[in-house]
Amino acid sequence: MESAKNGHVNAQVMVANNYTYRYMSSTLDADKMEHLELAKFWYEKSISSSSVKAKRQYGNFLMYVDIFSVKAEKLLKEASSEGDLPAMNSLGLMYAYRWDKTNDENLYRLAKSIFEESIRLGYEKSESDLAELINHFHNRKFNQ
């Protein structure tokens, strides 16, 4: 914690991740809110020091809290544009989850194109996410 307080960016991200884990594992609403606020504080602090990793991890956390989070989308787009391929994949997942909730085919196409670009750039995990998306799309079409 001392390193994080002294401005060490990786330590700040680690502290934020710790509060993220506490948020996800907490069962009391008051504890969840405290952990949420502390995670946000430390992610914001590390992002102000230009941490791309913090943008991705904070974006992922906010996506977990609310799949329609505008801030999560913004952070994942920023990290993606800075070359973070896991963030690009997460952005694809965000759109895939949104498509699943809304059935908006524009979100499906967006998720698919992001996964394809991520694969083209060499991020192998996107291959399985793309395959799952396409399979889910075809199953949905077949079962209508």
C-alpha atoms as a PDB file:
ATOM      1  CA  MET A   1       0.000   0.000   0.000  1.00  0.00           C
ATOM      2  CA  GLU A   2       2.876   2.350   0.778  1.00  0.00           C
ATOM      3  CA  SER A   3       4.245   2.036  -2.771  1.00  0.00           C
ATOM      4  CA  ALA A   4       0.820   2.846  -4.188  1.00  0.00           C
ATOM      5  CA  LYS A   5       0.549   5.918  -1.967  1.00  0.00           C
ATOM      6  CA  ASN A   6       4.016   6.988  -3.147  1.00  0.00           C
ATOM      7  CA  GLY A   7       2.875   6.961  -6.784  1.00  0.00           C
ATOM      8  CA  HIS A   8       4.134   3.579  -8.011  1.00  0.00           C
ATOM      9  CA  VAL A   9       1.684   2.897 -10.840  1.00  0.00           C
ATOM     10  CA  ASN A  10       1.900  -0.908 -10.818  1.00  0.00           C
ATOM     11  CA  ALA A  11       1.305  -0.908  -7.060  1.00  0.00           C
ATOM     12  CA  GLN A  12      -1.730   1.328  -7.571  1.00  0.00           C
ATOM     13  CA  VAL A  13      -3.142  -1.126 -10.111  1.00  0.00           C
ATOM     14  CA  MET A  14      -2.495  -4.001  -7.707  1.00  0.00           C
ATOM     15  CA  VAL A  15      -4.325  -2.180  -4.894  1.00  0.00           C
ATOM     16  CA  ALA A  16      -7.232  -1.448  -7.243  1.00  0.00           C
ATOM     17  CA  ASN A  17      -7.326  -5.117  -8.263  1.00  0.00           C
ATOM     18  CA  ASN A  18      -7.375  -6.095  -4.588  1.00  0.00           C
ATOM     19  CA  TYR A  19     -10.431  -3.903  -3.973  1.00  0.00           C
ATOM     20  CA  THR A  20     -12.023  -5.268  -7.153  1.00  0.00           C
ATOM     21  CA  TYR A  21     -11.637  -8.797  -5.808  1.00  0.00           C
ATOM     22  CA  ARG A  22     -13.067  -7.703  -2.460  1.00  0.00           C
ATOM     23  CA  TYR A  23     -16.025  -6.115  -4.256  1.00  0.00           C
ATOM     24  CA  MET A  24     -16.752  -9.295  -6.196  1.00  0.00           C
ATOM     25  CA  SER A  25     -16.459 -11.562  -3.155  1.00  0.00           C
ATOM     26  CA  SER A  26     -18.310  -9.334  -0.671  1.00  0.00           C
ATOM     27  CA  THR A  27     -21.853 -10.191   0.339  1.00  0.00           C
ATOM     28  CA  LEU A  28     -22.677  -7.061   2.339  1.00  0.00           C
ATOM     29  CA  ASP A  29     -23.917  -4.064   0.353  1.00  0.00           C
ATOM     30  CA  ALA A  30     -22.053  -1.558   2.548  1.00  0.00           C
ATOM     31  CA  ASP A  31     -18.790  -3.464   2.038  1.00  0.00           C
ATOM     32  CA  LYS A  32     -19.408  -3.746  -1.711  1.00  0.00           C
ATOM     33  CA  MET A  33     -19.907   0.011  -2.017  1.00  0.00           C
ATOM     34  CA  GLU A  34     -16.758   0.760  -0.017  1.00  0.00           C
ATOM     35  CA  HIS A  35     -14.691  -1.642  -2.134  1.00  0.00           C
ATOM     36  CA  LEU A  36     -16.215  -0.256  -5.326  1.00  0.00           C
ATOM     37  CA  GLU A  37     -15.260   3.303  -4.397  1.00  0.00           C
ATOM     38  CA  LEU A  38     -11.729   2.318  -3.342  1.00  0.00           C
ATOM     39  CA  ALA A  39     -11.180   0.306  -6.525  1.00  0.00           C
ATOM     40  CA  LYS A  40     -12.360   3.271  -8.600  1.00  0.00           C
ATOM     41  CA  PHE A  41     -10.077   5.632  -6.665  1.00  0.00           C
ATOM     42  CA  TRP A  42      -6.948   3.528  -7.260  1.00  0.00           C
ATOM     43  CA  TYR A  43      -7.759   2.780 -10.898  1.00  0.00           C
ATOM     44  CA  GLU A  44      -8.317   6.496 -11.567  1.00  0.00           C
ATOM     45  CA  LYS A  45      -5.045   7.326  -9.841  1.00  0.00           C
ATOM     46  CA  SER A  46      -3.094   4.842 -11.973  1.00  0.00           C
ATOM     47  CA  ILE A  47      -4.874   5.958 -15.157  1.00  0.00           C
ATOM     48  CA  SER A  48      -3.838   9.543 -14.428  1.00  0.00           C
ATOM     49  CA  SER A  49      -0.271   8.216 -14.699  1.00  0.00           C
ATOM     50  CA  SER A  50      -1.072   6.841 -18.179  1.00  0.00           C
ATOM     51  CA  SER A  51      -1.401   3.162 -17.258  1.00  0.00           C
ATOM     52  CA  VAL A  52      -2.937   1.295 -20.187  1.00  0.00           C
ATOM     53  CA  LYS A  53      -3.192  -1.818 -18.033  1.00  0.00           C
ATOM     54  CA  ALA A  54      -5.287   0.147 -15.516  1.00  0.00           C
ATOM     55  CA  LYS A  55      -7.615   1.320 -18.291  1.00  0.00           C
ATOM     56  CA  ARG A  56      -8.192  -2.284 -19.351  1.00  0.00           C
ATOM     57  CA  GLN A  57      -8.640  -3.654 -15.867  1.00  0.00           C
ATOM     58  CA  TYR A  58     -10.866  -0.787 -14.739  1.00  0.00           C
ATOM     59  CA  GLY A  59     -12.901  -1.155 -17.930  1.00  0.00           C
ATOM     60  CA  ASN A  60     -13.274  -4.881 -17.285  1.00  0.00           C
ATOM     61  CA  PHE A  61     -14.329  -4.213 -13.704  1.00  0.00           C
ATOM     62  CA  LEU A  62     -16.923  -1.636 -14.733  1.00  0.00           C
ATOM     63  CA  MET A  63     -18.182  -4.015 -17.422  1.00  0.00           C
ATOM     64  CA  TYR A  64     -18.621  -6.648 -14.693  1.00  0.00           C
ATOM     65  CA  VAL A  65     -20.584  -4.159 -12.571  1.00  0.00           C
ATOM     66  CA  ASP A  66     -22.724  -2.937 -15.511  1.00  0.00           C
ATOM     67  CA  ILE A  67     -22.490  -4.403 -19.017  1.00  0.00           C
ATOM     68  CA  PHE A  68     -23.888  -1.132 -20.418  1.00  0.00           C
ATOM     69  CA  SER A  69     -21.339   1.091 -18.650  1.00  0.00           C
ATOM     70  CA  VAL A  70     -20.370   3.972 -20.919  1.00  0.00           C
ATOM     71  CA  LYS A  71     -17.185   4.509 -18.925  1.00  0.00           C
ATOM     72  CA  ALA A  72     -16.158   0.856 -19.327  1.00  0.00           C
ATOM     73  CA  GLU A  73     -16.642   1.153 -23.079  1.00  0.00           C
ATOM     74  CA  LYS A  74     -14.599   4.379 -23.178  1.00  0.00           C
ATOM     75  CA  LEU A  75     -11.726   2.887 -21.162  1.00  0.00           C
ATOM     76  CA  LEU A  76     -11.595  -0.297 -23.219  1.00  0.00           C
ATOM     77  CA  LYS A  77     -11.641   1.708 -26.454  1.00  0.00           C
ATOM     78  CA  GLU A  78      -8.781   3.891 -25.193  1.00  0.00           C
ATOM     79  CA  ALA A  79      -6.689   0.919 -24.105  1.00  0.00           C
ATOM     80  CA  SER A  80      -7.414  -0.834 -27.416  1.00  0.00           C
ATOM     81  CA  SER A  81      -6.357   2.209 -29.403  1.00  0.00           C
ATOM     82  CA  GLU A  82      -3.122   2.209 -27.420  1.00  0.00           C
ATOM     83  CA  GLY A  83      -2.385  -1.327 -28.618  1.00  0.00           C
ATOM     84  CA  ASP A  84      -3.671  -3.388 -25.694  1.00  0.00           C
ATOM     85  CA  LEU A  85      -5.012  -6.525 -27.395  1.00  0.00           C
ATOM     86  CA  PRO A  86      -6.619  -8.008 -24.256  1.00  0.00           C
ATOM     87  CA  ALA A  87      -8.579  -4.727 -23.959  1.00  0.00           C
ATOM     88  CA  MET A  88      -9.637  -5.067 -27.584  1.00  0.00           C
ATOM     89  CA  ASN A  89     -10.861  -8.582 -26.858  1.00  0.00           C
ATOM     90  CA  SER A  90     -12.722  -7.321 -23.779  1.00  0.00           C
ATOM     91  CA  LEU A  91     -14.380  -4.663 -25.915  1.00  0.00           C
ATOM     92  CA  GLY A  92     -15.522  -7.410 -28.281  1.00  0.00           C
ATOM     93  CA  LEU A  93     -16.881  -9.347 -25.302  1.00  0.00           C
ATOM     94  CA  MET A  94     -18.703  -6.252 -24.063  1.00  0.00           C
ATOM     95  CA  TYR A  95     -20.477  -5.854 -27.383  1.00  0.00           C
ATOM     96  CA  ALA A  96     -21.207  -9.590 -27.541  1.00  0.00           C
ATOM     97  CA  TYR A  97     -22.798  -9.502 -24.076  1.00  0.00           C
ATOM     98  CA  ARG A  98     -24.786  -6.412 -25.018  1.00  0.00           C
ATOM     99  CA  TRP A  99     -25.970  -8.130 -28.204  1.00  0.00           C
ATOM    100  CA  ASP A 100     -27.012 -11.137 -26.143  1.00  0.00           C
ATOM    101  CA  LYS A 101     -29.097  -8.886 -23.868  1.00  0.00           C
ATOM    102  CA  THR A 102     -30.650  -6.690 -26.579  1.00  0.00           C
ATOM    103  CA  ASN A 103     -30.622  -8.827 -29.737  1.00  0.00           C
ATOM    104  CA  ASP A 104     -29.300  -5.772 -31.638  1.00  0.00           C
ATOM    105  CA  GLU A 105     -27.500  -7.270 -34.641  1.00  0.00           C
ATOM    106  CA  ASN A 106     -25.348  -4.142 -34.990  1.00  0.00           C
ATOM    107  CA  LEU A 107     -23.732  -5.114 -31.677  1.00  0.00           C
ATOM    108  CA  TYR A 108     -23.171  -8.635 -33.014  1.00  0.00           C
ATOM    109  CA  ARG A 109     -21.445  -7.260 -36.114  1.00  0.00           C
ATOM    110  CA  LEU A 110     -19.356  -4.885 -33.998  1.00  0.00           C
ATOM    111  CA  ALA A 111     -18.252  -7.675 -31.637  1.00  0.00           C
ATOM    112  CA  LYS A 112     -17.431  -9.918 -34.603  1.00  0.00           C
ATOM    113  CA  SER A 113     -15.339  -7.256 -36.344  1.00  0.00           C
ATOM    114  CA  ILE A 114     -13.426  -6.483 -33.144  1.00  0.00           C
ATOM    115  CA  PHE A 115     -12.638 -10.162 -32.565  1.00  0.00           C
ATOM    116  CA  GLU A 116     -11.522 -10.500 -36.195  1.00  0.00           C
ATOM    117  CA  GLU A 117      -9.224  -7.475 -35.888  1.00  0.00           C
ATOM    118  CA  SER A 118      -7.814  -8.761 -32.617  1.00  0.00           C
ATOM    119  CA  ILE A 119      -7.076 -12.126 -34.268  1.00  0.00           C
ATOM    120  CA  ARG A 120      -5.469 -10.366 -37.243  1.00  0.00           C
ATOM    121  CA  LEU A 121      -3.199  -8.544 -34.781  1.00  0.00           C
ATOM    122  CA  GLY A 122      -2.205 -11.842 -33.145  1.00  0.00           C
ATOM    123  CA  TYR A 123      -4.386 -12.180 -30.043  1.00  0.00           C
ATOM    124  CA  GLU A 124      -5.220 -15.889 -30.084  1.00  0.00           C
ATOM    125  CA  LYS A 125      -7.842 -15.832 -27.308  1.00  0.00           C
ATOM    126  CA  SER A 126     -10.129 -13.905 -29.630  1.00  0.00           C
ATOM    127  CA  GLU A 127     -10.363 -16.999 -31.846  1.00  0.00           C
ATOM    128  CA  SER A 128     -12.364 -18.930 -29.243  1.00  0.00           C
ATOM    129  CA  ASP A 129     -14.457 -15.870 -28.367  1.00  0.00           C
ATOM    130  CA  LEU A 130     -15.259 -15.320 -32.051  1.00  0.00           C
ATOM    131  CA  ALA A 131     -16.165 -18.981 -32.516  1.00  0.00           C
ATOM    132  CA  GLU A 132     -18.453 -18.835 -29.482  1.00  0.00           C
ATOM    133  CA  LEU A 133     -20.095 -15.642 -30.750  1.00  0.00           C
ATOM    134  CA  ILE A 134     -20.748 -17.106 -34.204  1.00  0.00           C
ATOM    135  CA  ASN A 135     -22.031 -20.368 -32.725  1.00  0.00           C
ATOM    136  CA  HIS A 136     -24.372 -18.460 -30.407  1.00  0.00           C
ATOM    137  CA  PHE A 137     -25.572 -16.325 -33.342  1.00  0.00           C
ATOM    138  CA  HIS A 138     -26.350 -19.369 -35.474  1.00  0.00           C
ATOM    139  CA  ASN A 139     -28.069 -21.176 -32.600  1.00  0.00           C
ATOM    140  CA  ARG A 140     -30.211 -18.107 -31.953  1.00  0.00           C
ATOM    141  CA  LYS A 141     -31.155 -17.860 -35.656  1.00  0.00           C
ATOM    142  CA  PHE A 142     -31.881 -21.586 -35.872  1.00  0.00           C
ATOM    143  CA  ASN A 143     -34.096 -21.579 -32.766  1.00  0.00           C
ATOM    144  CA  GLN A 144     -36.235 -18.588 -33.784  1.00  0.00           C
END
